[in-house]
Amino acid sequence: MKTGIKVLIGALAFVVTNAYAAEFMTKLEFEKVESQYTKNR
């Protein structure tokens, strides 16, 4: 039972970290595209 809880917590932490990383990358990409767009205009 203990290992199951550990796995569950690990999986949860992994998902949260991935979601945060994805959001962070999207923000960086958006800013990069935005700066390119304003530069070309």
Protein backbone atom coordinates (compact mmCIF):
# COMPACT_ATOMS: atom_id res chain seq x y z
CA MET A 1 0.00 0.00 0.00
CA LYS A 2 2.82 2.40 0.87
CA THR A 3 4.52 1.98 -2.52
CA GLY A 4 1.21 2.66 -4.27
CA ILE A 5 0.89 5.99 -2.48
CA LYS A 6 4.49 6.87 -3.34
CA VAL A 7 3.86 6.09 -7.00
CA LEU A 8 0.68 8.16 -6.94
CA ILE A 9 2.46 11.17 -5.42
CA GLY A 10 5.33 10.76 -7.89
CA ALA A 11 2.95 10.65 -10.85
CA LEU A 12 1.08 13.70 -9.56
CA ALA A 13 4.30 15.67 -9.12
CA PHE A 14 5.41 14.62 -12.62
CA VAL A 15 2.14 15.80 -14.18
CA VAL A 16 2.22 19.12 -12.32
CA THR A 17 5.86 19.72 -13.31
CA ASN A 18 5.10 18.89 -16.95
CA ALA A 19 2.09 21.20 -17.02
CA TYR A 20 4.15 24.03 -15.53
CA ALA A 21 7.00 23.42 -17.97
CA ALA A 22 4.61 23.36 -20.94
CA GLU A 23 3.00 26.62 -19.83
CA PHE A 24 6.42 28.21 -19.34
CA MET A 25 7.60 27.12 -22.80
CA THR A 26 4.39 28.40 -24.40
CA LYS A 27 4.92 31.77 -22.73
CA LEU A 28 8.49 31.95 -24.03
CA GLU A 29 7.42 31.00 -27.55
CA PHE A 30 4.65 33.59 -27.46
CA GLU A 31 7.02 36.35 -26.38
CA LYS A 32 9.50 35.34 -29.08
CA VAL A 33 6.83 35.42 -31.78
CA GLU A 34 5.44 38.68 -30.43
CA SER A 35 8.83 40.39 -30.55
CA GLN A 36 9.37 39.12 -34.10
CA TYR A 37 5.96 40.43 -35.12
CA THR A 38 6.47 43.88 -33.65
CA LYS A 39 9.94 44.05 -35.21
CA ASN A 40 8.63 43.22 -38.69
CA ARG A 41 5.76 45.68 -38.50
